[in-house]
């Protein structure tokens, strides 16, 4: 992903992005109904945008399933109760330089 935005994931399933070469829609998923939903969600901003893409994600997984999970990381980070300044970001992971012990 280039930046932390739901479109950066969902556009991989946007049928309007299918090209003869350098195609990023590897599943070649092209549904006019879902293409319209992606376009509508992309036009939104703020919480409405996140909500629309979240609902679209669930809809795609439940009803279309154009992709399958390849890798699902299941790692654990264990720290002492004396640890402070710890934050596990879902994309950028952990800033170990910021972690401190009390």
C-alpha atoms as a PDB file:
ATOM      1  CA  UNK A   1       0.000   0.000   0.000  1.00  0.00           C
ATOM      2  CA  UNK A   2       1.209   3.483  -0.780  1.00  0.00           C
ATOM      3  CA  UNK A   3      -0.721   5.294   1.941  1.00  0.00           C
ATOM      4  CA  UNK A   4      -3.224   4.498   4.669  1.00  0.00           C
ATOM      5  CA  UNK A   5      -6.505   4.758   2.788  1.00  0.00           C
ATOM      6  CA  UNK A   6      -9.049   1.990   2.134  1.00  0.00           C
ATOM      7  CA  UNK A   7      -9.137   2.806  -1.589  1.00  0.00           C
ATOM      8  CA  UNK A   8      -5.504   1.725  -1.776  1.00  0.00           C
ATOM      9  CA  UNK A   9      -6.717  -1.837  -1.179  1.00  0.00           C
ATOM     10  CA  UNK A  10     -10.127  -1.847  -2.864  1.00  0.00           C
ATOM     11  CA  UNK A  11      -8.928  -0.340  -6.158  1.00  0.00           C
ATOM     12  CA  UNK A  12      -7.225  -3.700  -6.785  1.00  0.00           C
ATOM     13  CA  UNK A  13     -10.739  -5.034  -7.447  1.00  0.00           C
ATOM     14  CA  UNK A  14     -12.020  -2.102  -9.508  1.00  0.00           C
ATOM     15  CA  UNK A  15     -12.851  -3.471 -12.945  1.00  0.00           C
ATOM     16  CA  UNK A  16     -12.388  -0.049 -14.522  1.00  0.00           C
ATOM     17  CA  UNK A  17      -8.637  -0.335 -13.813  1.00  0.00           C
ATOM     18  CA  UNK A  18      -8.145  -3.476 -15.949  1.00  0.00           C
ATOM     19  CA  UNK A  19      -5.605  -2.795 -18.705  1.00  0.00           C
ATOM     20  CA  UNK A  20      -3.900  -4.983 -21.351  1.00  0.00           C
ATOM     21  CA  UNK A  21      -0.532  -4.489 -19.615  1.00  0.00           C
ATOM     22  CA  UNK A  22       0.638  -3.428 -16.140  1.00  0.00           C
ATOM     23  CA  UNK A  23      -2.668  -4.518 -14.685  1.00  0.00           C
ATOM     24  CA  UNK A  24      -3.029  -4.434 -10.872  1.00  0.00           C
ATOM     25  CA  UNK A  25      -6.404  -6.191 -10.821  1.00  0.00           C
ATOM     26  CA  UNK A  26      -4.837  -9.673 -10.806  1.00  0.00           C
ATOM     27  CA  UNK A  27      -8.175 -11.420 -10.342  1.00  0.00           C
ATOM     28  CA  UNK A  28      -9.608  -9.588 -13.385  1.00  0.00           C
ATOM     29  CA  UNK A  29     -12.686  -8.987 -11.256  1.00  0.00           C
ATOM     30  CA  UNK A  30     -15.024  -6.747 -13.237  1.00  0.00           C
ATOM     31  CA  UNK A  31     -18.545  -6.229 -11.958  1.00  0.00           C
ATOM     32  CA  UNK A  32     -20.468  -3.117 -12.986  1.00  0.00           C
ATOM     33  CA  UNK A  33     -22.337  -3.178  -9.656  1.00  0.00           C
ATOM     34  CA  UNK A  34     -19.124  -3.258  -7.620  1.00  0.00           C
ATOM     35  CA  UNK A  35     -17.407  -0.759  -9.917  1.00  0.00           C
ATOM     36  CA  UNK A  36     -20.225   1.686  -9.110  1.00  0.00           C
ATOM     37  CA  UNK A  37     -19.873   0.981  -5.368  1.00  0.00           C
ATOM     38  CA  UNK A  38     -16.118   1.625  -5.508  1.00  0.00           C
ATOM     39  CA  UNK A  39     -16.678   4.903  -7.388  1.00  0.00           C
ATOM     40  CA  UNK A  40     -19.360   6.013  -4.915  1.00  0.00           C
ATOM     41  CA  UNK A  41     -17.185   5.220  -1.873  1.00  0.00           C
ATOM     42  CA  UNK A  42     -14.184   6.952  -3.479  1.00  0.00           C
ATOM     43  CA  UNK A  43     -16.162  10.181  -3.800  1.00  0.00           C
ATOM     44  CA  UNK A  44     -16.796  10.367  -0.039  1.00  0.00           C
ATOM     45  CA  UNK A  45     -14.598  11.895   2.671  1.00  0.00           C
ATOM     46  CA  UNK A  46     -14.033  11.344   6.389  1.00  0.00           C
ATOM     47  CA  UNK A  47     -15.987   8.794   8.397  1.00  0.00           C
ATOM     48  CA  UNK A  48     -18.532   8.316   5.609  1.00  0.00           C
ATOM     49  CA  UNK A  49     -15.673   7.189   3.316  1.00  0.00           C
ATOM     50  CA  UNK A  50     -14.320   4.719   5.890  1.00  0.00           C
ATOM     51  CA  UNK A  51     -17.815   3.371   6.604  1.00  0.00           C
ATOM     52  CA  UNK A  52     -18.602   2.941   2.889  1.00  0.00           C
ATOM     53  CA  UNK A  53     -15.323   1.143   2.188  1.00  0.00           C
ATOM     54  CA  UNK A  54     -15.764  -1.023   5.291  1.00  0.00           C
ATOM     55  CA  UNK A  55     -19.229  -2.062   4.142  1.00  0.00           C
ATOM     56  CA  UNK A  56     -17.901  -2.647   0.618  1.00  0.00           C
ATOM     57  CA  UNK A  57     -15.104  -4.824   1.998  1.00  0.00           C
ATOM     58  CA  UNK A  58     -17.625  -6.996   3.841  1.00  0.00           C
ATOM     59  CA  UNK A  59     -19.902  -7.128   0.796  1.00  0.00           C
ATOM     60  CA  UNK A  60     -17.041  -8.172  -1.507  1.00  0.00           C
ATOM     61  CA  UNK A  61     -15.796 -10.874   0.850  1.00  0.00           C
ATOM     62  CA  UNK A  62     -19.246 -12.235   1.584  1.00  0.00           C
ATOM     63  CA  UNK A  63     -20.866 -12.102  -1.851  1.00  0.00           C
ATOM     64  CA  UNK A  64     -18.193 -11.910  -4.553  1.00  0.00           C
ATOM     65  CA  UNK A  65     -14.945 -13.293  -3.037  1.00  0.00           C
ATOM     66  CA  UNK A  66     -12.663 -12.272  -5.931  1.00  0.00           C
ATOM     67  CA  UNK A  67      -9.504 -12.857  -3.849  1.00  0.00           C
ATOM     68  CA  UNK A  68      -8.339 -15.358  -1.256  1.00  0.00           C
ATOM     69  CA  UNK A  69      -6.119 -14.747   1.756  1.00  0.00           C
ATOM     70  CA  UNK A  70      -2.524 -15.762   1.096  1.00  0.00           C
ATOM     71  CA  UNK A  71      -0.759 -14.814   4.306  1.00  0.00           C
ATOM     72  CA  UNK A  72      -2.250 -13.832   7.637  1.00  0.00           C
ATOM     73  CA  UNK A  73       0.384 -12.741  10.138  1.00  0.00           C
ATOM     74  CA  UNK A  74      -0.321 -14.070  13.613  1.00  0.00           C
ATOM     75  CA  UNK A  75       2.485 -12.625  15.695  1.00  0.00           C
ATOM     76  CA  UNK A  76       2.532 -11.635  19.355  1.00  0.00           C
ATOM     77  CA  UNK A  77       4.480  -8.909  21.122  1.00  0.00           C
ATOM     78  CA  UNK A  78       5.047  -9.370  24.835  1.00  0.00           C
ATOM     79  CA  UNK A  79       6.112  -6.474  27.055  1.00  0.00           C
ATOM     80  CA  UNK A  80       6.412  -5.974  30.782  1.00  0.00           C
ATOM     81  CA  UNK A  81       3.665  -4.147  32.690  1.00  0.00           C
ATOM     82  CA  UNK A  82       6.332  -1.488  33.335  1.00  0.00           C
ATOM     83  CA  UNK A  83       6.535  -0.726  29.600  1.00  0.00           C
ATOM     84  CA  UNK A  84       5.368   2.731  28.522  1.00  0.00           C
ATOM     85  CA  UNK A  85       4.977   4.526  25.177  1.00  0.00           C
ATOM     86  CA  UNK A  86       4.105   1.299  23.395  1.00  0.00           C
ATOM     87  CA  UNK A  87       1.789   1.483  20.400  1.00  0.00           C
ATOM     88  CA  UNK A  88       1.306  -1.268  17.810  1.00  0.00           C
ATOM     89  CA  UNK A  89       0.198   0.429  14.588  1.00  0.00           C
ATOM     90  CA  UNK A  90      -1.620  -1.932  12.183  1.00  0.00           C
ATOM     91  CA  UNK A  91       0.476  -0.757   9.222  1.00  0.00           C
ATOM     92  CA  UNK A  92       3.733   0.657  10.556  1.00  0.00           C
ATOM     93  CA  UNK A  93       4.028  -1.840  13.428  1.00  0.00           C
ATOM     94  CA  UNK A  94       5.979  -0.790  16.548  1.00  0.00           C
ATOM     95  CA  UNK A  95       8.302   2.156  17.082  1.00  0.00           C
ATOM     96  CA  UNK A  96      10.794   0.400  19.346  1.00  0.00           C
ATOM     97  CA  UNK A  97      12.805   3.600  19.832  1.00  0.00           C
ATOM     98  CA  UNK A  98       9.800   5.159  21.611  1.00  0.00           C
ATOM     99  CA  UNK A  99       9.261   2.282  24.058  1.00  0.00           C
ATOM    100  CA  UNK A 100      10.409   3.041  27.607  1.00  0.00           C
ATOM    101  CA  UNK A 101      10.547   1.181  30.900  1.00  0.00           C
ATOM    102  CA  UNK A 102       9.204   2.814  34.029  1.00  0.00           C
END
